[in-house]
């Protein structure tokens, strides 16, 4: 996710939440906006970290791949159709 994506997500989030601001609750509009942005940034950070963990898991799986003579990546145990023992 690049900075343009983050900025877009923040703008959308603010637009969707703009009607939930209630000045009678005692918070300034600036405080409301800052809190919304802080929470959304934390949420985006959690999402990115979750995706990184998933990529690390896939990296482990792909590290088990073997390269064949034809230069193709191969993981026989994960592709049963290519195993000799088809019943």
PDB file of N, CA and C in Angstrom:
ATOM      1  N   UNK A   1       0.862  -1.165   0.000  1.00  0.00           N
ATOM      2  CA  UNK A   1       0.000   0.000   0.000  1.00  0.00           C
ATOM      3  C   UNK A   1       0.911   1.232   0.000  1.00  0.00           C
ATOM      4  N   UNK A   2       0.745   2.088  -0.972  1.00  0.00           N
ATOM      5  CA  UNK A   2       1.576   3.291  -1.039  1.00  0.00           C
ATOM      6  C   UNK A   2       0.836   4.484  -0.414  1.00  0.00           C
ATOM      7  N   UNK A   3       1.512   5.640  -0.365  1.00  0.00           N
ATOM      8  CA  UNK A   3       0.943   6.814   0.295  1.00  0.00           C
ATOM      9  C   UNK A   3      -0.336   7.302  -0.372  1.00  0.00           C
ATOM     10  N   UNK A   4      -0.417   7.166  -1.682  1.00  0.00           N
ATOM     11  CA  UNK A   4      -1.643   7.580  -2.373  1.00  0.00           C
ATOM     12  C   UNK A   4      -2.821   6.716  -1.942  1.00  0.00           C
ATOM     13  N   UNK A   5      -2.575   5.418  -1.766  1.00  0.00           N
ATOM     14  CA  UNK A   5      -3.629   4.518  -1.293  1.00  0.00           C
ATOM     15  C   UNK A   5      -4.068   4.890   0.119  1.00  0.00           C
ATOM     16  N   UNK A   6      -3.090   5.178   0.971  1.00  0.00           N
ATOM     17  CA  UNK A   6      -3.404   5.559   2.352  1.00  0.00           C
ATOM     18  C   UNK A   6      -4.229   6.846   2.368  1.00  0.00           C
ATOM     19  N   UNK A   7      -3.793   7.836   1.599  1.00  0.00           N
ATOM     20  CA  UNK A   7      -4.527   9.106   1.546  1.00  0.00           C
ATOM     21  C   UNK A   7      -5.955   8.891   1.051  1.00  0.00           C
ATOM     22  N   UNK A   8      -6.121   8.058   0.056  1.00  0.00           N
ATOM     23  CA  UNK A   8      -7.458   7.767  -0.478  1.00  0.00           C
ATOM     24  C   UNK A   8      -8.324   7.079   0.578  1.00  0.00           C
ATOM     25  N   UNK A   9      -7.750   6.098   1.270  1.00  0.00           N
ATOM     26  CA  UNK A   9      -8.493   5.404   2.327  1.00  0.00           C
ATOM     27  C   UNK A   9      -8.926   6.381   3.422  1.00  0.00           C
ATOM     28  N   UNK A  10      -8.037   7.305   3.787  1.00  0.00           N
ATOM     29  CA  UNK A  10      -8.369   8.280   4.828  1.00  0.00           C
ATOM     30  C   UNK A  10      -9.471   9.230   4.379  1.00  0.00           C
ATOM     31  N   UNK A  11      -9.398   9.677   3.130  1.00  0.00           N
ATOM     32  CA  UNK A  11     -10.454  10.571   2.614  1.00  0.00           C
ATOM     33  C   UNK A  11     -11.807   9.863   2.600  1.00  0.00           C
ATOM     34  N   UNK A  12     -11.821   8.631   2.153  1.00  0.00           N
ATOM     35  CA  UNK A  12     -13.076   7.861   2.117  1.00  0.00           C
ATOM     36  C   UNK A  12     -13.619   7.682   3.530  1.00  0.00           C
ATOM     37  N   UNK A  13     -12.733   7.340   4.454  1.00  0.00           N
ATOM     38  CA  UNK A  13     -13.153   7.122   5.838  1.00  0.00           C
ATOM     39  C   UNK A  13     -13.758   8.395   6.435  1.00  0.00           C
ATOM     40  N   UNK A  14     -13.100   9.526   6.211  1.00  0.00           N
ATOM     41  CA  UNK A  14     -13.640  10.799   6.711  1.00  0.00           C
ATOM     42  C   UNK A  14     -14.993  11.117   6.088  1.00  0.00           C
ATOM     43  N   UNK A  15     -15.108  10.877   4.805  1.00  0.00           N
ATOM     44  CA  UNK A  15     -16.359  11.162   4.106  1.00  0.00           C
ATOM     45  C   UNK A  15     -17.497  10.298   4.661  1.00  0.00           C
ATOM     46  N   UNK A  16     -17.199   9.019   4.914  1.00  0.00           N
ATOM     47  CA  UNK A  16     -18.232   8.117   5.427  1.00  0.00           C
ATOM     48  C   UNK A  16     -18.630   8.446   6.868  1.00  0.00           C
ATOM     49  N   UNK A  17     -17.700   8.970   7.646  1.00  0.00           N
ATOM     50  CA  UNK A  17     -17.950   9.221   9.070  1.00  0.00           C
ATOM     51  C   UNK A  17     -18.347  10.656   9.389  1.00  0.00           C
ATOM     52  N   UNK A  18     -18.398  11.521   8.387  1.00  0.00           N
ATOM     53  CA  UNK A  18     -18.644  12.943   8.656  1.00  0.00           C
ATOM     54  C   UNK A  18     -19.966  13.194   9.382  1.00  0.00           C
ATOM     55  N   UNK A  19     -20.972  12.395   9.130  1.00  0.00           N
ATOM     56  CA  UNK A  19     -22.280  12.605   9.760  1.00  0.00           C
ATOM     57  C   UNK A  19     -22.315  12.159  11.219  1.00  0.00           C
ATOM     58  N   UNK A  20     -21.288  11.434  11.659  1.00  0.00           N
ATOM     59  CA  UNK A  20     -21.307  10.958  13.044  1.00  0.00           C
ATOM     60  C   UNK A  20     -20.728  11.981  14.027  1.00  0.00           C
ATOM     61  N   UNK A  21     -20.250  13.120  13.523  1.00  0.00           N
ATOM     62  CA  UNK A  21     -19.750  14.174  14.420  1.00  0.00           C
ATOM     63  C   UNK A  21     -20.920  14.853  15.121  1.00  0.00           C
ATOM     64  N   UNK A  22     -20.817  14.928  16.442  1.00  0.00           N
ATOM     65  CA  UNK A  22     -21.851  15.575  17.250  1.00  0.00           C
ATOM     66  C   UNK A  22     -21.192  16.637  18.127  1.00  0.00           C
ATOM     67  N   UNK A  23     -21.347  17.923  17.784  1.00  0.00           N
ATOM     68  CA  UNK A  23     -20.697  18.984  18.568  1.00  0.00           C
ATOM     69  C   UNK A  23     -21.212  19.063  20.004  1.00  0.00           C
ATOM     70  N   UNK A  24     -22.367  18.504  20.265  1.00  0.00           N
ATOM     71  CA  UNK A  24     -22.945  18.542  21.609  1.00  0.00           C
ATOM     72  C   UNK A  24     -22.252  17.572  22.564  1.00  0.00           C
ATOM     73  N   UNK A  25     -21.413  16.708  22.028  1.00  0.00           N
ATOM     74  CA  UNK A  25     -20.692  15.763  22.886  1.00  0.00           C
ATOM     75  C   UNK A  25     -19.440  16.394  23.488  1.00  0.00           C
ATOM     76  N   UNK A  26     -19.136  17.631  23.103  1.00  0.00           N
ATOM     77  CA  UNK A  26     -18.049  18.369  23.730  1.00  0.00           C
ATOM     78  C   UNK A  26     -16.704  18.311  23.025  1.00  0.00           C
ATOM     79  N   UNK A  27     -16.583  17.553  21.979  1.00  0.00           N
ATOM     80  CA  UNK A  27     -15.310  17.460  21.257  1.00  0.00           C
ATOM     81  C   UNK A  27     -15.291  18.467  20.112  1.00  0.00           C
ATOM     82  N   UNK A  28     -14.139  19.070  19.924  1.00  0.00           N
ATOM     83  CA  UNK A  28     -13.979  19.953  18.775  1.00  0.00           C
ATOM     84  C   UNK A  28     -13.969  19.128  17.497  1.00  0.00           C
ATOM     85  N   UNK A  29     -14.344  19.757  16.407  1.00  0.00           N
ATOM     86  CA  UNK A  29     -14.329  19.051  15.122  1.00  0.00           C
ATOM     87  C   UNK A  29     -12.916  18.580  14.783  1.00  0.00           C
ATOM     88  N   UNK A  30     -11.924  19.403  15.118  1.00  0.00           N
ATOM     89  CA  UNK A  30     -10.528  19.037  14.870  1.00  0.00           C
ATOM     90  C   UNK A  30     -10.154  17.766  15.639  1.00  0.00           C
ATOM     91  N   UNK A  31     -10.585  17.667  16.879  1.00  0.00           N
ATOM     92  CA  UNK A  31     -10.320  16.484  17.697  1.00  0.00           C
ATOM     93  C   UNK A  31     -10.998  15.260  17.101  1.00  0.00           C
ATOM     94  N   UNK A  32     -12.226  15.429  16.668  1.00  0.00           N
ATOM     95  CA  UNK A  32     -12.982  14.343  16.045  1.00  0.00           C
ATOM     96  C   UNK A  32     -12.256  13.819  14.807  1.00  0.00           C
ATOM     97  N   UNK A  33     -11.824  14.732  13.946  1.00  0.00           N
ATOM     98  CA  UNK A  33     -11.135  14.344  12.709  1.00  0.00           C
ATOM     99  C   UNK A  33      -9.809  13.663  13.036  1.00  0.00           C
ATOM    100  N   UNK A  34      -9.048  14.237  13.981  1.00  0.00           N
ATOM    101  CA  UNK A  34      -7.770  13.626  14.358  1.00  0.00           C
ATOM    102  C   UNK A  34      -7.956  12.212  14.887  1.00  0.00           C
ATOM    103  N   UNK A  35      -8.977  12.019  15.707  1.00  0.00           N
ATOM    104  CA  UNK A  35      -9.231  10.692  16.271  1.00  0.00           C
ATOM    105  C   UNK A  35      -9.626   9.698  15.175  1.00  0.00           C
ATOM    106  N   UNK A  36     -10.473  10.133  14.259  1.00  0.00           N
ATOM    107  CA  UNK A  36     -10.854   9.269  13.136  1.00  0.00           C
ATOM    108  C   UNK A  36      -9.631   8.853  12.324  1.00  0.00           C
ATOM    109  N   UNK A  37      -8.772   9.830  12.020  1.00  0.00           N
ATOM    110  CA  UNK A  37      -7.585   9.543  11.215  1.00  0.00           C
ATOM    111  C   UNK A  37      -6.617   8.628  11.954  1.00  0.00           C
ATOM    112  N   UNK A  38      -6.398   8.886  13.244  1.00  0.00           N
ATOM    113  CA  UNK A  38      -5.507   8.028  14.030  1.00  0.00           C
ATOM    114  C   UNK A  38      -6.002   6.588  14.040  1.00  0.00           C
ATOM    115  N   UNK A  39      -7.286   6.408  14.283  1.00  0.00           N
ATOM    116  CA  UNK A  39      -7.848   5.056  14.334  1.00  0.00           C
ATOM    117  C   UNK A  39      -7.773   4.359  12.981  1.00  0.00           C
ATOM    118  N   UNK A  40      -8.041   5.089  11.910  1.00  0.00           N
ATOM    119  CA  UNK A  40      -7.985   4.484  10.575  1.00  0.00           C
ATOM    120  C   UNK A  40      -6.551   4.118  10.206  1.00  0.00           C
ATOM    121  N   UNK A  41      -5.592   4.968  10.559  1.00  0.00           N
ATOM    122  CA  UNK A  41      -4.186   4.659  10.278  1.00  0.00           C
ATOM    123  C   UNK A  41      -3.761   3.403  11.035  1.00  0.00           C
ATOM    124  N   UNK A  42      -4.166   3.281  12.289  1.00  0.00           N
ATOM    125  CA  UNK A  42      -3.855   2.070  13.065  1.00  0.00           C
ATOM    126  C   UNK A  42      -4.493   0.846  12.424  1.00  0.00           C
ATOM    127  N   UNK A  43      -5.720   0.994  11.958  1.00  0.00           N
ATOM    128  CA  UNK A  43      -6.411  -0.106  11.286  1.00  0.00           C
ATOM    129  C   UNK A  43      -5.678  -0.514  10.009  1.00  0.00           C
ATOM    130  N   UNK A  44      -5.258   0.463   9.222  1.00  0.00           N
ATOM    131  CA  UNK A  44      -4.511   0.167   7.993  1.00  0.00           C
ATOM    132  C   UNK A  44      -3.179  -0.502   8.314  1.00  0.00           C
ATOM    133  N   UNK A  45      -2.532  -0.063   9.385  1.00  0.00           N
ATOM    134  CA  UNK A  45      -1.264  -0.659   9.785  1.00  0.00           C
ATOM    135  C   UNK A  45      -1.459  -2.121  10.190  1.00  0.00           C
ATOM    136  N   UNK A  46      -2.527  -2.410  10.927  1.00  0.00           N
ATOM    137  CA  UNK A  46      -2.821  -3.801  11.291  1.00  0.00           C
ATOM    138  C   UNK A  46      -3.062  -4.643  10.045  1.00  0.00           C
ATOM    139  N   UNK A  47      -3.774  -4.086   9.075  1.00  0.00           N
ATOM    140  CA  UNK A  47      -4.046  -4.809   7.831  1.00  0.00           C
ATOM    141  C   UNK A  47      -2.754  -5.116   7.086  1.00  0.00           C
ATOM    142  N   UNK A  48      -1.873  -4.130   6.983  1.00  0.00           N
ATOM    143  CA  UNK A  48      -0.598  -4.333   6.289  1.00  0.00           C
ATOM    144  C   UNK A  48       0.242  -5.370   7.022  1.00  0.00           C
ATOM    145  N   UNK A  49       0.294  -5.300   8.345  1.00  0.00           N
ATOM    146  CA  UNK A  49       1.061  -6.280   9.116  1.00  0.00           C
ATOM    147  C   UNK A  49       0.497  -7.684   8.943  1.00  0.00           C
ATOM    148  N   UNK A  50      -0.824  -7.801   8.890  1.00  0.00           N
ATOM    149  CA  UNK A  50      -1.461  -9.101   8.674  1.00  0.00           C
ATOM    150  C   UNK A  50      -1.078  -9.650   7.303  1.00  0.00           C
ATOM    151  N   UNK A  51      -1.069  -8.791   6.301  1.00  0.00           N
ATOM    152  CA  UNK A  51      -0.688  -9.219   4.953  1.00  0.00           C
ATOM    153  C   UNK A  51       0.772  -9.647   4.912  1.00  0.00           C
ATOM    154  N   UNK A  52       1.639  -8.939   5.644  1.00  0.00           N
ATOM    155  CA  UNK A  52       3.049  -9.321   5.689  1.00  0.00           C
ATOM    156  C   UNK A  52       3.221 -10.695   6.322  1.00  0.00           C
ATOM    157  N   UNK A  53       2.467 -10.959   7.398  1.00  0.00           N
ATOM    158  CA  UNK A  53       2.552 -12.278   8.036  1.00  0.00           C
ATOM    159  C   UNK A  53       2.111 -13.366   7.069  1.00  0.00           C
ATOM    160  N   UNK A  54       1.052 -13.101   6.311  1.00  0.00           N
ATOM    161  CA  UNK A  54       0.600 -14.077   5.324  1.00  0.00           C
ATOM    162  C   UNK A  54       1.655 -14.297   4.252  1.00  0.00           C
ATOM    163  N   UNK A  55       2.300 -13.231   3.805  1.00  0.00           N
ATOM    164  CA  UNK A  55       3.361 -13.363   2.807  1.00  0.00           C
ATOM    165  C   UNK A  55       4.524 -14.170   3.356  1.00  0.00           C
ATOM    166  N   UNK A  56       4.852 -13.987   4.635  1.00  0.00           N
ATOM    167  CA  UNK A  56       5.913 -14.781   5.245  1.00  0.00           C
ATOM    168  C   UNK A  56       5.540 -16.253   5.247  1.00  0.00           C
ATOM    169  N   UNK A  57       4.271 -16.558   5.485  1.00  0.00           N
ATOM    170  CA  UNK A  57       3.806 -17.942   5.453  1.00  0.00           C
ATOM    171  C   UNK A  57       3.946 -18.511   4.053  1.00  0.00           C
ATOM    172  N   UNK A  58       3.546 -17.739   3.040  1.00  0.00           N
ATOM    173  CA  UNK A  58       3.674 -18.197   1.664  1.00  0.00           C
ATOM    174  C   UNK A  58       5.133 -18.340   1.267  1.00  0.00           C
ATOM    175  N   UNK A  59       5.998 -17.465   1.782  1.00  0.00           N
ATOM    176  CA  UNK A  59       7.426 -17.568   1.481  1.00  0.00           C
ATOM    177  C   UNK A  59       7.953 -18.908   1.969  1.00  0.00           C
ATOM    178  N   UNK A  60       7.533 -19.329   3.158  1.00  0.00           N
ATOM    179  CA  UNK A  60       7.946 -20.622   3.684  1.00  0.00           C
ATOM    180  C   UNK A  60       7.479 -21.742   2.762  1.00  0.00           C
ATOM    181  N   UNK A  61       6.250 -21.668   2.294  1.00  0.00           N
ATOM    182  CA  UNK A  61       5.715 -22.685   1.393  1.00  0.00           C
ATOM    183  C   UNK A  61       6.482 -22.695   0.079  1.00  0.00           C
ATOM    184  N   UNK A  62       6.721 -21.520  -0.495  1.00  0.00           N
ATOM    185  CA  UNK A  62       7.423 -21.449  -1.767  1.00  0.00           C
ATOM    186  C   UNK A  62       8.886 -21.848  -1.636  1.00  0.00           C
ATOM    187  N   UNK A  63       9.463 -21.732  -0.440  1.00  0.00           N
ATOM    188  CA  UNK A  63      10.855 -22.134  -0.280  1.00  0.00           C
ATOM    189  C   UNK A  63      10.991 -23.648  -0.388  1.00  0.00           C
ATOM    190  N   UNK A  64       9.885 -24.371  -0.312  1.00  0.00           N
ATOM    191  CA  UNK A  64       9.906 -25.820  -0.443  1.00  0.00           C
ATOM    192  C   UNK A  64       9.807 -26.263  -1.900  1.00  0.00           C
ATOM    193  N   UNK A  65       9.624 -25.326  -2.798  1.00  0.00           N
ATOM    194  CA  UNK A  65       9.515 -25.661  -4.210  1.00  0.00           C
ATOM    195  C   UNK A  65      10.861 -26.112  -4.759  1.00  0.00           C
ATOM    196  N   UNK A  66      10.816 -27.015  -5.693  1.00  0.00           N
ATOM    197  CA  UNK A  66      12.027 -27.467  -6.361  1.00  0.00           C
ATOM    198  C   UNK A  66      11.973 -27.006  -7.806  1.00  0.00           C
ATOM    199  N   UNK A  67      13.123 -26.650  -8.340  1.00  0.00           N
ATOM    200  CA  UNK A  67      13.172 -26.220  -9.731  1.00  0.00           C
ATOM    201  C   UNK A  67      13.494 -27.430 -10.604  1.00  0.00           C
ATOM    202  N   UNK A  68      12.685 -27.653 -11.628  1.00  0.00           N
ATOM    203  CA  UNK A  68      12.897 -28.782 -12.525  1.00  0.00           C
ATOM    204  C   UNK A  68      13.898 -28.408 -13.604  1.00  0.00           C
ATOM    205  N   UNK A  69      14.259 -29.392 -14.414  1.00  0.00           N
ATOM    206  CA  UNK A  69      15.200 -29.148 -15.505  1.00  0.00           C
ATOM    207  C   UNK A  69      14.652 -28.114 -16.482  1.00  0.00           C
ATOM    208  N   UNK A  70      13.347 -28.055 -16.641  1.00  0.00           N
ATOM    209  CA  UNK A  70      12.738 -27.107 -17.574  1.00  0.00           C
ATOM    210  C   UNK A  70      12.651 -25.701 -16.967  1.00  0.00           C
ATOM    211  N   UNK A  71      13.088 -25.553 -15.723  1.00  0.00           N
ATOM    212  CA  UNK A  71      13.060 -24.244 -15.088  1.00  0.00           C
ATOM    213  C   UNK A  71      11.732 -23.926 -14.436  1.00  0.00           C
ATOM    214  N   UNK A  72      10.844 -24.930 -14.339  1.00  0.00           N
ATOM    215  CA  UNK A  72       9.544 -24.714 -13.715  1.00  0.00           C
ATOM    216  C   UNK A  72       9.640 -25.014 -12.226  1.00  0.00           C
ATOM    217  N   UNK A  73       8.867 -24.284 -11.439  1.00  0.00           N
ATOM    218  CA  UNK A  73       8.821 -24.566 -10.016  1.00  0.00           C
ATOM    219  C   UNK A  73       7.842 -25.705  -9.782  1.00  0.00           C
ATOM    220  N   UNK A  74       8.195 -26.569  -8.866  1.00  0.00           N
ATOM    221  CA  UNK A  74       7.453 -27.797  -8.715  1.00  0.00           C
ATOM    222  C   UNK A  74       7.321 -28.148  -7.243  1.00  0.00           C
ATOM    223  N   UNK A  75       6.159 -28.472  -6.800  1.00  0.00           N
ATOM    224  CA  UNK A  75       5.938 -28.962  -5.451  1.00  0.00           C
ATOM    225  C   UNK A  75       5.010 -30.160  -5.573  1.00  0.00           C
ATOM    226  N   UNK A  76       5.613 -31.331  -5.751  1.00  0.00           N
ATOM    227  CA  UNK A  76       4.836 -32.535  -6.050  1.00  0.00           C
ATOM    228  C   UNK A  76       3.802 -32.856  -4.974  1.00  0.00           C
ATOM    229  N   UNK A  77       4.160 -32.675  -3.724  1.00  0.00           N
ATOM    230  CA  UNK A  77       3.233 -33.062  -2.661  1.00  0.00           C
ATOM    231  C   UNK A  77       1.981 -32.185  -2.634  1.00  0.00           C
ATOM    232  N   UNK A  78       2.046 -30.989  -3.191  1.00  0.00           N
ATOM    233  CA  UNK A  78       0.896 -30.090  -3.180  1.00  0.00           C
ATOM    234  C   UNK A  78       0.059 -30.192  -4.440  1.00  0.00           C
ATOM    235  N   UNK A  79       0.553 -30.928  -5.424  1.00  0.00           N
ATOM    236  CA  UNK A  79      -0.146 -31.042  -6.700  1.00  0.00           C
ATOM    237  C   UNK A  79      -0.393 -32.527  -6.972  1.00  0.00           C
ATOM    238  N   UNK A  80      -1.449 -33.094  -6.403  1.00  0.00           N
ATOM    239  CA  UNK A  80      -1.669 -34.537  -6.501  1.00  0.00           C
ATOM    240  C   UNK A  80      -1.876 -35.033  -7.931  1.00  0.00           C
ATOM    241  N   UNK A  81      -2.333 -34.193  -8.838  1.00  0.00           N
ATOM    242  CA  UNK A  81      -2.572 -34.645 -10.202  1.00  0.00           C
ATOM    243  C   UNK A  81      -1.269 -35.058 -10.884  1.00  0.00           C
ATOM    244  N   UNK A  82      -0.147 -34.512 -10.417  1.00  0.00           N
ATOM    245  CA  UNK A  82       1.137 -34.831 -11.018  1.00  0.00           C
ATOM    246  C   UNK A  82       1.845 -35.981 -10.303  1.00  0.00           C
ATOM    247  N   UNK A  83       1.285 -36.485  -9.250  1.00  0.00           N
ATOM    248  CA  UNK A  83       1.906 -37.596  -8.540  1.00  0.00           C
ATOM    249  C   UNK A  83       1.657 -38.883  -9.310  1.00  0.00           C
ATOM    250  N   UNK A  84       2.608 -39.794  -9.218  1.00  0.00           N
ATOM    251  CA  UNK A  84       2.501 -41.056  -9.958  1.00  0.00           C
ATOM    252  C   UNK A  84       1.351 -41.914  -9.453  1.00  0.00           C
ATOM    253  N   UNK A  85       1.054 -41.820  -8.187  1.00  0.00           N
ATOM    254  CA  UNK A  85       0.086 -42.707  -7.564  1.00  0.00           C
ATOM    255  C   UNK A  85      -1.323 -42.138  -7.634  1.00  0.00           C
ATOM    256  N   UNK A  86      -1.949 -42.168  -8.782  1.00  0.00           N
ATOM    257  CA  UNK A  86      -3.323 -41.693  -8.916  1.00  0.00           C
ATOM    258  C   UNK A  86      -4.273 -42.886  -8.868  1.00  0.00           C
ATOM    259  N   UNK A  87      -5.255 -42.799  -8.023  1.00  0.00           N
ATOM    260  CA  UNK A  87      -6.195 -43.917  -7.903  1.00  0.00           C
ATOM    261  C   UNK A  87      -7.559 -43.518  -8.395  1.00  0.00           C
TER     262      UNK A  87
END
